C-alpha atoms as a PDB file:
ATOM      1  CA  MET A   1     -51.315   7.620  26.363  1.00  0.00           C
ATOM      2  CA  LYS A   2     -53.324   6.421  29.296  1.00  0.00           C
ATOM      3  CA  GLU A   3     -57.388   6.879  28.774  1.00  0.00           C
ATOM      4  CA  ASN A   4     -59.080   9.322  30.646  1.00  0.00           C
ATOM      5  CA  LYS A   5     -62.489   7.706  30.814  1.00  0.00           C
ATOM      6  CA  PRO A   6     -64.226   5.579  33.147  1.00  0.00           C
ATOM      7  CA  GLN A   7     -63.615   1.552  32.457  1.00  0.00           C
ATOM      8  CA  LEU A   8     -66.112  -0.681  33.400  1.00  0.00           C
ATOM      9  CA  TYR A   9     -65.084  -4.440  34.146  1.00  0.00           C
ATOM     10  CA  LYS A  10     -67.297  -7.284  34.634  1.00  0.00           C
ATOM     11  CA  PHE A  11     -67.299 -10.111  37.447  1.00  0.00           C
ATOM     12  CA  SER A  12     -69.245 -12.052  35.008  1.00  0.00           C
ATOM     13  CA  GLU A  13     -66.378 -11.998  32.309  1.00  0.00           C
ATOM     14  CA  ILE A  14     -64.145 -14.133  35.192  1.00  0.00           C
ATOM     15  CA  GLU A  15     -66.420 -15.665  37.898  1.00  0.00           C
ATOM     16  CA  HIS A  16     -66.217 -19.295  35.787  1.00  0.00           C
ATOM     17  CA  ARG A  17     -62.327 -19.017  37.701  1.00  0.00           C
ATOM     18  CA  LEU A  18     -64.182 -18.798  41.008  1.00  0.00           C
ATOM     19  CA  HIS A  19     -66.059 -22.001  40.465  1.00  0.00           C
ATOM     20  CA  THR A  20     -63.598 -24.268  38.686  1.00  0.00           C
ATOM     21  CA  LEU A  21     -60.671 -22.803  41.593  1.00  0.00           C
ATOM     22  CA  GLU A  22     -59.514 -26.168  42.981  1.00  0.00           C
ATOM     23  CA  PRO A  23     -58.620 -26.121  47.096  1.00  0.00           C
ATOM     24  CA  GLY A  24     -54.918 -24.948  47.869  1.00  0.00           C
ATOM     25  CA  LYS A  25     -55.483 -22.413  44.670  1.00  0.00           C
ATOM     26  CA  SER A  26     -55.929 -18.983  44.347  1.00  0.00           C
ATOM     27  CA  TYR A  27     -56.367 -16.884  41.322  1.00  0.00           C
ATOM     28  CA  ILE A  28     -56.080 -13.306  41.274  1.00  0.00           C
ATOM     29  CA  LYS A  29     -57.099 -10.771  38.231  1.00  0.00           C
ATOM     30  CA  PRO A  30     -55.909  -7.490  38.189  1.00  0.00           C
ATOM     31  CA  PHE A  31     -57.963  -4.936  36.488  1.00  0.00           C
ATOM     32  CA  VAL A  32     -56.961  -1.594  37.348  1.00  0.00           C
ATOM     33  CA  THR A  33     -52.966  -1.521  35.929  1.00  0.00           C
ATOM     34  CA  SER A  34     -49.626   0.290  35.655  1.00  0.00           C
ATOM     35  CA  ALA A  35     -51.634   0.489  31.976  1.00  0.00           C
ATOM     36  CA  VAL A  36     -54.777   1.925  33.318  1.00  0.00           C
ATOM     37  CA  SER A  37     -53.200   4.277  36.214  1.00  0.00           C
ATOM     38  CA  ASP A  38     -50.347   6.371  37.578  1.00  0.00           C
ATOM     39  CA  THR A  39     -51.446   5.658  41.029  1.00  0.00           C
ATOM     40  CA  MET A  40     -52.886   3.366  41.846  1.00  0.00           C
ATOM     41  CA  CYS A  41     -54.206  -0.882  40.851  1.00  0.00           C
ATOM     42  CA  GLY A  42     -56.830  -2.861  41.906  1.00  0.00           C
ATOM     43  CA  GLY A  43     -58.816  -6.144  40.905  1.00  0.00           C
ATOM     44  CA  LEU A  44     -60.537  -9.550  42.726  1.00  0.00           C
ATOM     45  CA  ASN A  45     -58.784 -12.295  44.243  1.00  0.00           C
ATOM     46  CA  PHE A  46     -60.260 -15.657  43.907  1.00  0.00           C
ATOM     47  CA  LEU A  47     -58.826 -18.328  47.041  1.00  0.00           C
ATOM     48  CA  ASN A  48     -60.019 -21.721  47.934  1.00  0.00           C
ATOM     49  CA  GLU A  49     -58.976 -23.711  51.047  1.00  0.00           C
ATOM     50  CA  VAL A  50     -55.317 -21.515  50.995  1.00  0.00           C
ATOM     51  CA  SER A  51     -53.009 -19.847  52.807  1.00  0.00           C
ATOM     52  CA  VAL A  52     -50.521 -17.800  50.522  1.00  0.00           C
ATOM     53  CA  PRO A  53     -47.317 -16.133  53.282  1.00  0.00           C
ATOM     54  CA  TRP A  54     -46.604 -12.551  51.259  1.00  0.00           C
ATOM     55  CA  GLU A  55     -44.206  -9.279  52.095  1.00  0.00           C
ATOM     56  CA  LEU A  56     -46.444  -6.681  51.437  1.00  0.00           C
ATOM     57  CA  THR A  57     -44.967  -3.876  49.481  1.00  0.00           C
ATOM     58  CA  CYS A  58     -47.406  -1.572  49.349  1.00  0.00           C
ATOM     59  CA  ASP A  59     -50.175  -0.167  51.063  1.00  0.00           C
ATOM     60  CA  GLU A  60     -53.537  -2.184  50.332  1.00  0.00           C
ATOM     61  CA  ILE A  61     -57.329  -1.823  50.894  1.00  0.00           C
ATOM     62  CA  ILE A  62     -59.181  -5.427  50.712  1.00  0.00           C
ATOM     63  CA  TYR A  63     -63.055  -5.627  50.969  1.00  0.00           C
ATOM     64  CA  CYS A  64     -64.327  -9.092  51.331  1.00  0.00           C
ATOM     65  CA  MET A  65     -67.223  -9.989  48.604  1.00  0.00           C
ATOM     66  CA  GLU A  66     -67.678 -13.721  49.121  1.00  0.00           C
ATOM     67  CA  GLY A  67     -66.816 -16.328  52.014  1.00  0.00           C
ATOM     68  CA  THR A  68     -64.604 -15.475  54.877  1.00  0.00           C
ATOM     69  CA  PHE A  69     -61.660 -14.090  54.285  1.00  0.00           C
ATOM     70  CA  ARG A  70     -58.662 -13.761  57.207  1.00  0.00           C
ATOM     71  CA  LEU A  71     -55.444 -11.992  56.907  1.00  0.00           C
ATOM     72  CA  THR A  72     -52.667 -13.061  59.210  1.00  0.00           C
ATOM     73  CA  CYS A  73     -50.155 -10.390  60.140  1.00  0.00           C
ATOM     74  CA  ASP A  74     -47.792 -11.178  63.480  1.00  0.00           C
ATOM     75  CA  GLY A  75     -49.684 -14.014  65.033  1.00  0.00           C
ATOM     76  CA  VAL A  76     -52.810 -11.810  64.693  1.00  0.00           C
ATOM     77  CA  ALA A  77     -55.876 -12.875  62.503  1.00  0.00           C
ATOM     78  CA  TYR A  78     -57.999 -10.578  60.835  1.00  0.00           C
ATOM     79  CA  GLU A  79     -61.388 -12.067  59.831  1.00  0.00           C
ATOM     80  CA  CYS A  80     -63.637 -10.281  57.036  1.00  0.00           C
ATOM     81  CA  SER A  81     -67.249 -11.231  56.155  1.00  0.00           C
ATOM     82  CA  PRO A  82     -69.086 -10.097  53.511  1.00  0.00           C
ATOM     83  CA  GLY A  83     -68.853  -6.352  53.367  1.00  0.00           C
ATOM     84  CA  ASP A  84     -66.196  -5.840  55.691  1.00  0.00           C
ATOM     85  CA  VAL A  85     -63.037  -3.705  54.657  1.00  0.00           C
ATOM     86  CA  LEU A  86     -59.222  -4.283  55.903  1.00  0.00           C
ATOM     87  CA  TYR A  87     -56.562  -1.900  55.372  1.00  0.00           C
ATOM     88  CA  VAL A  88     -53.125  -3.191  55.708  1.00  0.00           C
ATOM     89  CA  PRO A  89     -49.658  -0.923  55.345  1.00  0.00           C
ATOM     90  CA  LYS A  90     -47.098  -1.697  53.613  1.00  0.00           C
ATOM     91  CA  ASP A  91     -44.104  -3.654  54.871  1.00  0.00           C
ATOM     92  CA  ASN A  92     -45.789  -6.349  56.748  1.00  0.00           C
ATOM     93  CA  SER A  93     -45.224 -10.194  56.747  1.00  0.00           C
ATOM     94  CA  ILE A  94     -49.256 -11.561  56.051  1.00  0.00           C
ATOM     95  CA  ALA A  95     -50.516 -14.412  54.971  1.00  0.00           C
ATOM     96  CA  TYR A  96     -54.178 -14.623  52.942  1.00  0.00           C
ATOM     97  CA  GLU A  97     -56.170 -17.063  54.155  1.00  0.00           C
ATOM     98  CA  CYS A  98     -59.223 -19.030  53.607  1.00  0.00           C
ATOM     99  CA  ASP A  99     -61.118 -22.349  55.225  1.00  0.00           C
ATOM    100  CA  GLU A 100     -63.569 -22.529  51.970  1.00  0.00           C
ATOM    101  CA  LYS A 101     -63.893 -20.420  48.831  1.00  0.00           C
ATOM    102  CA  CYS A 102     -63.770 -16.543  49.045  1.00  0.00           C
ATOM    103  CA  VAL A 103     -63.777 -13.869  46.981  1.00  0.00           C
ATOM    104  CA  ILE A 104     -61.897 -10.573  48.261  1.00  0.00           C
ATOM    105  CA  PHE A 105     -61.467  -7.197  45.944  1.00  0.00           C
ATOM    106  CA  TYR A 106     -57.868  -5.411  46.732  1.00  0.00           C
ATOM    107  CA  ALA A 107     -56.808  -1.846  45.713  1.00  0.00           C
ATOM    108  CA  ALA A 108     -53.144  -0.960  46.083  1.00  0.00           C
ATOM    109  CA  TYR A 109     -50.758   1.736  46.156  1.00  0.00           C
ATOM    110  CA  PRO A 110     -48.609   2.399  44.370  1.00  0.00           C
ATOM    111  CA  HIS A 111     -49.551   0.891  40.943  1.00  0.00           C
ATOM    112  CA  ASP A 112     -45.982  -0.272  40.165  1.00  0.00           C
ATOM    113  CA  TRP A 113     -45.583  -1.949  43.909  1.00  0.00           C
ATOM    114  CA  LYS A 114     -44.145  -4.817  41.383  1.00  0.00           C
ATOM    115  CA  GLN A 115     -41.688  -3.427  39.410  1.00  0.00           C
ATOM    116  CA  GLN A 116     -40.643  -0.881  42.348  1.00  0.00           C
ATOM    117  CA  ALA A 117     -39.980  -4.154  44.986  1.00  0.00           C
ATOM    118  CA  GLY A 118     -38.402  -6.134  41.689  1.00  0.00           C
ATOM    119  CA  ILE A 119     -41.335  -9.215  41.928  1.00  0.00           C
ATOM    120  CA  THR A 120     -41.577 -10.831  38.503  1.00  0.00           C
ATOM    121  CA  PHE A 121     -43.972 -13.666  39.786  1.00  0.00           C
ATOM    122  CA  VAL A 122     -47.175 -13.163  42.023  1.00  0.00           C
ATOM    123  CA  PRO A 123     -48.849 -16.550  43.063  1.00  0.00           C
ATOM    124  CA  GLY A 124     -52.305 -16.932  41.423  1.00  0.00           C
ATOM    125  CA  ILE A 125     -51.681 -14.448  38.352  1.00  0.00           C
ATOM    126  CA  ASP A 126     -52.370 -15.581  34.870  1.00  0.00           C
ATOM    127  CA  PRO A 127     -48.624 -14.525  33.233  1.00  0.00           C
ATOM    128  CA  GLU A 128     -50.347 -12.641  30.408  1.00  0.00           C
ATOM    129  CA  ASP A 129     -51.591 -10.196  33.500  1.00  0.00           C
ATOM    130  CA  MET A 130     -48.391  -9.868  35.139  1.00  0.00           C
ATOM    131  CA  PRO A 131     -46.608  -6.171  33.880  1.00  0.00           C
ATOM    132  CA  GLN A 132     -43.519  -7.034  32.400  1.00  0.00           C
ATOM    133  CA  ASN A 133     -42.074  -2.960  32.915  1.00  0.00           C
END
């Protein structure tokens, strides 16, 4: 049974991953997962000089925390600076991009989009953070 109390996740606990992230790489830390919520999920994504193409199978909200983040969809680039919020509806072919290091927060619905789409690998997520069910 899921605990019905607030849960605090500290940026400081994973910040070292940003400082050691090599160019051409991304690191995703899902905090809110199916183990925590029956409705939504979310976490942080660190990117460094990278373009990650993706078929989006969930609705997503992205908040740019640091650097400049760019999402490309159908040839249109949506550039986000710190403080900007971007809504991306499901069923779009997109790319998460940046020309230097950036940090974004993401929230997605539904919480089990990976399982519904049969996705077992997401670039940047450590295997221990990838839900198995």
